Amino acid sequence: PVTVIINVNNVNDLVTDILLSSSTIIENTDTSSAFEVGTLSATDEDISDTHTFVLETNGDHASFDIVGNKLYLNAGEVVDYETQSSYSLQVTATDSGGIPFTKDFTIEVIDVNDVAPTISGDLAIAVDEAGSVVLQSGDLGANDADTVASDLVFSVSSSPDNGHWALAASPSVAISSFTLQQLLDQSVLYVHDGSETISDSLALHVSDGIASSIDVTLNV
């Protein structure tokens, strides 16, 4: 018998994927200096191969830079979820054989509660003596880009003198707070006590659980 030696010539295997260790940025991140978003790596069957990474000049590339295998958000970029909730990038990895592979990435901005709510509406309602009236969104409302309606809570700072607030399901039970969602669902009432009065008022504010609006006066 003879031994036949077969030599296998190595060929350059292609990059098949690009990975990014993190693809999120928290809103209001400090960018007084460049912020490291994550580390890039390439999937390549040639384990010992080296790779260079570059940003393609499309999407939001102008806000980012790659240094080595690190993706950075440029210094001075303002991370504001309400202005831009995500960034689109294309990254190309090129192996030592000069063969490129390009992949799209989306960098998501994580929203934080950084906007205090404000109160809107004409802040006036009319009601019959001894009657009740459903509070409408045109009478009272709230604006907060960071918070859903069910988490915006109106609280009464000074109660009305000649009536009370109540929920439609229990009009005789006075309440001191209610949500914007309850208001939008037309579940909030002002109930007049029947006294011989021609006006009433109360002060209230709205909170998102972190920040509150200033007190405003709602006139009846």
Protein backbone atom coordinates (compact mmCIF):
# COMPACT_ATOMS: atom_id res chain seq x y z
CA PRO A 1 0.00 0.00 0.00
CA VAL A 2 0.99 3.54 -0.59
CA THR A 3 0.01 6.67 1.28
CA VAL A 4 -1.47 9.45 -0.76
CA ILE A 5 -1.16 12.88 0.76
CA ILE A 6 -3.85 15.33 -0.28
CA ASN A 7 -3.15 18.99 0.34
CA VAL A 8 -6.20 21.22 0.79
CA ASN A 9 -5.62 24.78 -0.26
CA ASN A 10 -7.26 27.33 1.99
CA VAL A 11 -9.65 29.74 0.33
CA ASN A 12 -11.06 32.93 1.70
CA ASP A 13 -14.49 32.30 3.21
CA LEU A 14 -16.97 35.15 3.03
CA VAL A 15 -18.27 37.16 5.96
CA THR A 16 -21.84 35.98 6.55
CA ASP A 17 -23.04 38.37 9.24
CA ILE A 18 -22.16 41.47 11.27
CA LEU A 19 -23.08 41.63 14.96
CA LEU A 20 -23.44 44.69 17.20
CA SER A 21 -23.24 44.14 20.95
CA SER A 22 -25.78 46.87 21.71
CA SER A 23 -28.23 48.72 19.49
CA THR A 24 -29.95 51.06 21.96
CA ILE A 25 -29.26 54.54 23.32
CA ILE A 26 -31.07 55.98 26.34
CA GLU A 27 -32.74 59.33 25.74
CA ASN A 28 -30.75 62.31 27.09
CA THR A 29 -27.49 60.34 27.06
CA ASP A 30 -24.52 62.60 27.80
CA THR A 31 -22.75 63.30 24.50
CA SER A 32 -20.29 65.91 25.70
CA SER A 33 -17.83 63.37 24.30
CA ALA A 34 -18.45 60.58 21.79
CA PHE A 35 -20.71 57.87 23.27
CA GLU A 36 -19.84 54.22 22.67
CA VAL A 37 -22.94 52.44 21.38
CA GLY A 38 -21.49 48.94 20.98
CA THR A 39 -18.84 46.62 19.62
CA LEU A 40 -18.93 45.26 16.07
CA SER A 41 -17.88 41.75 15.12
CA ALA A 42 -18.04 39.69 11.94
CA THR A 43 -19.17 36.09 11.47
CA ASP A 44 -16.51 34.41 9.35
CA GLU A 45 -15.53 30.74 9.04
CA ASP A 46 -11.93 31.89 8.74
CA ILE A 47 -11.49 32.18 12.49
CA SER A 48 -8.15 33.95 12.29
CA ASP A 49 -9.29 36.44 9.66
CA THR A 50 -9.27 40.15 10.42
CA HIS A 51 -11.98 42.62 9.49
CA THR A 52 -12.37 46.34 8.99
CA PHE A 53 -15.68 48.09 9.57
CA VAL A 54 -16.94 51.25 7.88
CA LEU A 55 -20.21 53.20 7.85
CA GLU A 56 -21.90 53.56 4.49
CA THR A 57 -22.87 57.15 3.62
CA ASN A 58 -26.64 56.82 3.86
CA GLY A 59 -29.32 56.91 6.53
CA ASP A 60 -28.18 58.60 9.73
CA HIS A 61 -24.49 57.92 9.22
CA ALA A 62 -23.53 61.56 9.90
CA SER A 63 -24.46 61.13 13.58
CA PHE A 64 -22.11 58.17 14.08
CA ASP A 65 -18.52 57.05 13.65
CA ILE A 66 -16.64 53.76 13.74
CA VAL A 67 -13.23 53.57 15.38
CA GLY A 68 -11.71 50.12 15.02
CA ASN A 69 -14.58 47.82 15.88
CA LYS A 70 -16.45 50.32 18.09
CA LEU A 71 -19.57 52.21 16.98
CA TYR A 72 -19.82 55.70 18.50
CA LEU A 73 -22.51 58.34 18.59
CA ASN A 74 -20.76 61.59 17.77
CA ALA A 75 -20.11 64.20 20.44
CA GLY A 76 -22.74 66.92 20.56
CA GLU A 77 -25.58 64.79 19.17
CA VAL A 78 -28.85 65.41 21.04
CA VAL A 79 -30.62 62.17 21.94
CA ASP A 80 -34.30 63.13 22.12
CA TYR A 81 -36.90 60.39 21.68
CA GLU A 82 -39.64 62.87 20.81
CA THR A 83 -37.50 64.24 17.94
CA GLN A 84 -35.99 60.97 16.70
CA SER A 85 -36.87 57.57 18.13
CA SER A 86 -34.41 55.54 16.03
CA TYR A 87 -31.42 55.82 13.69
CA SER A 88 -30.78 53.84 10.50
CA LEU A 89 -27.24 52.75 9.61
CA GLN A 90 -25.45 50.52 7.11
CA VAL A 91 -22.17 48.91 8.16
CA THR A 92 -19.77 47.12 5.84
CA ALA A 93 -17.27 44.55 7.11
CA THR A 94 -14.36 43.69 4.81
CA ASP A 95 -12.13 40.71 5.49
CA SER A 96 -8.42 40.46 4.81
CA GLY A 97 -9.19 39.11 1.33
CA GLY A 98 -10.95 42.36 0.44
CA ILE A 99 -14.46 40.90 0.17
CA PRO A 100 -17.14 43.18 1.70
CA PHE A 101 -20.38 42.31 3.47
CA THR A 102 -22.96 45.02 4.26
CA LYS A 103 -25.76 44.93 6.82
CA ASP A 104 -28.50 47.36 7.91
CA PHE A 105 -28.81 48.33 11.57
CA THR A 106 -31.45 50.21 13.52
CA ILE A 107 -30.34 52.00 16.68
CA GLU A 108 -33.33 52.47 18.98
CA VAL A 109 -33.67 55.38 21.40
CA ILE A 110 -35.12 54.32 24.77
CA ASP A 111 -37.70 56.84 25.90
CA VAL A 112 -37.50 58.31 29.41
CA ASN A 113 -40.07 60.37 31.24
CA ASP A 114 -38.54 63.81 30.92
CA VAL A 115 -41.51 66.02 30.01
CA ALA A 116 -43.77 67.52 32.69
CA PRO A 117 -47.48 67.38 31.82
CA THR A 118 -49.48 70.51 31.11
CA ILE A 119 -53.18 71.20 31.46
CA SER A 120 -55.34 72.25 28.53
CA GLY A 121 -58.99 73.07 27.92
CA ASP A 122 -61.21 76.10 28.46
CA LEU A 123 -61.34 75.35 32.24
CA ALA A 124 -65.03 76.18 32.49
CA ILE A 125 -68.19 74.09 32.80
CA ALA A 126 -71.91 74.87 33.26
CA VAL A 127 -74.32 72.85 35.37
CA ASP A 128 -77.98 73.15 36.42
CA GLU A 129 -78.77 73.75 40.08
CA ALA A 130 -78.82 70.39 41.92
CA GLY A 131 -77.76 68.73 38.69
CA SER A 132 -74.60 67.11 37.38
CA VAL A 133 -72.51 67.46 34.26
CA VAL A 134 -70.03 65.15 32.55
CA LEU A 135 -66.58 66.68 32.26
CA GLN A 136 -65.54 66.89 28.59
CA SER A 137 -62.05 66.91 27.09
CA GLY A 138 -62.70 70.43 25.80
CA ASP A 139 -63.30 71.57 29.39
CA LEU A 140 -60.17 69.96 30.80
CA GLY A 141 -57.33 68.01 29.26
CA ALA A 142 -53.65 67.19 29.65
CA ASN A 143 -50.65 67.01 27.35
CA ASP A 144 -47.65 64.77 27.99
CA ALA A 145 -45.73 63.13 25.15
CA ASP A 146 -44.11 60.61 27.54
CA THR A 147 -47.17 59.29 29.36
CA VAL A 148 -50.31 57.37 28.40
CA ALA A 149 -53.70 58.73 29.43
CA SER A 150 -54.28 56.09 32.11
CA ASP A 151 -51.12 57.21 33.94
CA LEU A 152 -51.92 60.93 33.95
CA VAL A 153 -53.70 61.71 37.22
CA PHE A 154 -55.61 64.91 38.01
CA SER A 155 -55.64 65.77 41.71
CA VAL A 156 -57.85 68.37 43.36
CA SER A 157 -55.80 70.87 45.35
CA SER A 158 -58.82 72.77 46.69
CA SER A 159 -62.28 71.24 46.59
CA PRO A 160 -65.36 73.00 45.18
CA ASP A 161 -67.56 74.73 47.78
CA ASN A 162 -70.94 73.86 46.31
CA GLY A 163 -70.55 70.39 44.89
CA HIS A 164 -68.14 67.52 44.37
CA TRP A 165 -66.36 65.46 41.75
CA ALA A 166 -67.53 61.91 41.23
CA LEU A 167 -67.33 59.00 38.84
CA ALA A 168 -70.41 58.29 36.75
CA ALA A 169 -70.76 54.82 38.29
CA SER A 170 -71.05 56.34 41.81
CA PRO A 171 -72.25 59.95 41.53
CA SER A 172 -72.87 60.35 45.26
CA VAL A 173 -69.30 59.41 46.22
CA ALA A 174 -66.90 62.35 46.17
CA ILE A 175 -63.48 61.82 44.65
CA SER A 176 -60.32 63.91 44.83
CA SER A 177 -58.48 62.47 41.83
CA PHE A 178 -59.15 60.89 38.45
CA THR A 179 -57.17 59.92 35.37
CA LEU A 180 -57.13 61.50 31.96
CA GLN A 181 -58.39 58.20 30.57
CA GLN A 182 -61.45 58.36 32.85
CA LEU A 183 -62.07 61.90 31.62
CA LEU A 184 -61.75 60.80 27.97
CA ASP A 185 -64.15 57.94 28.71
CA GLN A 186 -66.65 60.57 29.98
CA SER A 187 -66.71 58.96 33.40
CA VAL A 188 -66.02 62.08 35.50
CA LEU A 189 -68.86 64.25 36.84
CA TYR A 190 -69.25 67.51 38.68
CA VAL A 191 -72.28 67.15 40.97
CA HIS A 192 -73.89 70.36 42.28
CA ASP A 193 -75.21 70.28 45.85
CA GLY A 194 -78.41 72.23 45.11
CA SER A 195 -77.44 75.34 47.01
CA GLU A 196 -78.48 78.79 45.77
CA THR A 197 -75.16 79.64 44.18
CA ILE A 198 -74.32 80.91 40.73
CA SER A 199 -70.67 79.86 40.59
CA ASP A 200 -68.10 77.51 42.00
CA SER A 201 -64.42 76.82 41.41
CA LEU A 202 -61.65 74.45 42.35
CA ALA A 203 -57.90 74.17 41.88
CA LEU A 204 -56.27 71.07 40.44
CA HIS A 205 -53.10 69.84 38.79
CA VAL A 206 -52.04 66.81 36.74
CA SER A 207 -49.12 64.47 37.42
CA ASP A 208 -47.41 61.74 35.42
CA GLY A 209 -46.03 60.14 38.58
CA ILE A 210 -42.74 62.03 38.37
CA ALA A 211 -43.52 65.61 37.48
CA SER A 212 -46.63 67.74 37.97
CA SER A 213 -48.18 70.71 36.24
CA ILE A 214 -48.86 73.97 38.02
CA ASP A 215 -52.26 74.35 39.73
CA VAL A 216 -55.01 75.78 37.57
CA THR A 217 -58.54 76.92 38.46
CA LEU A 218 -61.57 75.26 36.90
CA ASN A 219 -64.65 77.49 37.04
CA VAL A 220 -68.21 76.20 37.31
